[in-house]
Amino acid sequence: QAQLVESGGGLVQAGDSLRLSCAASGWSLGFYALGWFRQAPGKEREGVSCLSTSDGRTFYGDSVKGRFTIARGNDKNTVYLQMNNLKPEDTAVYYCAAGINWYGGSRWAQTSGYDYWGQGTQVTVSS
């Protein structure tokens, strides 16, 4: 069964860094767009970042540009989200996702374009 498994979340202080990992189990991420999303209590799920495996393009939400970096692992079956200079407003459950019929471009963060989702990992940033 195809699965995405996130890890790396935790409780940190403002200004700290975390690296989230997302590993595919039982299948290959080779032809998928790989995304990170987050959802805070009472808010809608929002796109954080995305990597297009076909051409290497990356996309970032405005609130994380310059602080977060998405990258694919050397094994090609893992995707990372390096988060630097974390802020309390980054507190959320973070989900990775993979989409083969991904919309791309300005619609990169549209959740309906992703076919598989992980279970989420909690990131809490204290002030």
Protein backbone atom coordinates (compact mmCIF):
# COMPACT_ATOMS: atom_id res chain seq x y z
CA GLN A 1 0.00 0.00 0.00
CA ALA A 2 1.37 3.39 -1.02
CA GLN A 3 2.20 5.53 1.98
CA LEU A 4 3.87 8.81 2.79
CA VAL A 5 5.39 9.07 6.24
CA GLU A 6 6.46 12.40 7.73
CA SER A 7 8.91 12.88 10.56
CA GLY A 8 10.96 15.62 12.16
CA GLY A 9 8.33 17.76 13.83
CA GLY A 10 8.65 19.00 17.38
CA LEU A 11 8.62 21.89 19.80
CA VAL A 12 11.15 24.64 19.17
CA GLN A 13 11.68 28.27 20.04
CA ALA A 14 11.29 31.20 17.68
CA GLY A 15 14.38 31.56 15.52
CA ASP A 16 15.23 27.86 15.64
CA SER A 17 15.37 25.46 12.70
CA LEU A 18 13.76 22.11 11.94
CA ARG A 19 13.99 19.71 9.04
CA LEU A 20 10.95 17.70 8.12
CA SER A 21 11.27 14.48 6.17
CA CYS A 22 8.73 12.64 4.07
CA ALA A 23 9.47 9.14 2.88
CA ALA A 24 7.53 7.09 0.37
CA SER A 25 6.88 3.51 1.40
CA GLY A 26 6.13 0.87 -1.17
CA TRP A 27 6.21 3.08 -4.25
CA SER A 28 8.30 5.57 -6.18
CA LEU A 29 8.01 9.34 -6.10
CA GLY A 30 9.71 9.58 -9.43
CA PHE A 31 6.92 11.16 -11.45
CA TYR A 32 5.07 13.14 -8.84
CA ALA A 33 4.96 16.72 -7.72
CA LEU A 34 5.97 16.73 -4.06
CA GLY A 35 4.37 19.21 -1.75
CA TRP A 36 4.33 20.35 1.84
CA PHE A 37 1.20 21.79 3.37
CA ARG A 38 0.29 22.90 6.85
CA GLN A 39 -2.88 23.35 8.83
CA ALA A 40 -3.23 25.34 12.02
CA PRO A 41 -6.22 24.93 14.34
CA GLY A 42 -9.28 26.64 12.91
CA LYS A 43 -7.57 27.41 9.61
CA GLU A 44 -7.65 25.92 6.16
CA ARG A 45 -4.82 23.77 4.89
CA GLU A 46 -2.32 25.97 3.07
CA GLY A 47 0.47 25.25 0.66
CA VAL A 48 3.95 25.72 2.07
CA SER A 49 6.15 24.49 -0.75
CA CYS A 50 6.24 22.22 -3.76
CA LEU A 51 8.88 20.56 -5.92
CA SER A 52 8.19 19.51 -9.46
CA THR A 53 10.20 16.34 -10.09
CA SER A 54 9.88 16.73 -13.86
CA ASP A 55 11.83 19.96 -14.13
CA GLY A 56 13.03 20.77 -10.63
CA ARG A 57 10.98 23.92 -10.23
CA THR A 58 10.16 24.89 -6.67
CA PHE A 59 7.31 26.92 -5.29
CA TYR A 60 6.89 28.59 -1.90
CA GLY A 61 4.11 30.27 -0.01
CA ASP A 62 4.67 33.96 0.58
CA SER A 63 4.91 33.55 4.34
CA VAL A 64 7.84 31.11 4.13
CA LYS A 65 9.86 32.44 1.20
CA GLY A 66 13.48 32.95 2.16
CA ARG A 67 13.13 30.81 5.30
CA PHE A 68 12.05 27.36 4.08
CA THR A 69 13.70 25.17 1.46
CA ILE A 70 12.30 22.05 -0.19
CA ALA A 71 14.66 19.40 -1.48
CA ARG A 72 14.60 15.85 -2.68
CA GLY A 73 16.79 13.21 -1.12
CA ASN A 74 19.53 11.44 -3.03
CA ASP A 75 17.43 8.28 -2.96
CA LYS A 76 14.74 10.20 -4.89
CA ASN A 77 12.11 8.73 -2.59
CA THR A 78 12.38 11.24 0.20
CA VAL A 79 11.51 14.91 0.26
CA TYR A 80 12.69 17.34 2.91
CA LEU A 81 11.53 20.70 4.16
CA GLN A 82 14.28 22.70 5.83
CA MET A 83 12.68 25.35 8.01
CA ASN A 84 14.85 28.16 9.32
CA ASN A 85 14.09 31.18 11.47
CA LEU A 86 10.86 29.63 12.65
CA LYS A 87 8.13 31.90 13.93
CA PRO A 88 5.18 31.20 16.25
CA GLU A 89 2.84 31.61 13.27
CA ASP A 90 4.52 28.59 11.67
CA THR A 91 2.90 26.40 14.31
CA ALA A 92 0.75 23.81 12.56
CA VAL A 93 0.46 20.20 11.53
CA TYR A 94 2.63 19.75 8.46
CA TYR A 95 1.65 17.29 5.74
CA CYS A 96 3.53 16.04 2.74
CA ALA A 97 1.69 15.17 -0.43
CA ALA A 98 2.35 13.73 -3.86
CA GLY A 99 0.41 14.47 -7.00
CA ILE A 100 0.78 12.89 -10.45
CA ASN A 101 -1.89 15.04 -12.07
CA TRP A 102 -0.66 18.13 -10.35
CA TYR A 103 -1.95 21.44 -11.69
CA GLY A 104 1.30 23.34 -11.43
CA GLY A 105 2.05 26.99 -11.94
CA SER A 106 -0.11 29.37 -9.98
CA ARG A 107 -2.28 26.45 -8.87
CA TRP A 108 0.56 24.55 -7.21
CA ALA A 109 -1.04 24.79 -3.78
CA GLN A 110 -4.44 23.51 -4.79
CA THR A 111 -4.97 20.45 -2.58
CA SER A 112 -7.14 18.66 -5.14
CA GLY A 113 -4.05 18.33 -7.34
CA TYR A 114 -2.42 15.93 -4.88
CA ASP A 115 -3.30 12.25 -4.78
CA TYR A 116 -1.49 10.98 -1.70
CA TRP A 117 -1.07 12.50 1.73
CA GLY A 118 0.92 11.67 4.81
CA GLN A 119 -0.51 11.55 8.31
CA GLY A 120 1.06 14.84 9.38
CA THR A 121 3.68 15.91 11.90
CA GLN A 122 3.19 18.62 14.51
CA VAL A 123 5.45 21.66 14.55
CA THR A 124 5.10 24.01 17.50
CA VAL A 125 7.10 27.22 17.73
CA SER A 126 7.12 29.04 21.05
CA SER A 127 7.81 32.75 21.35
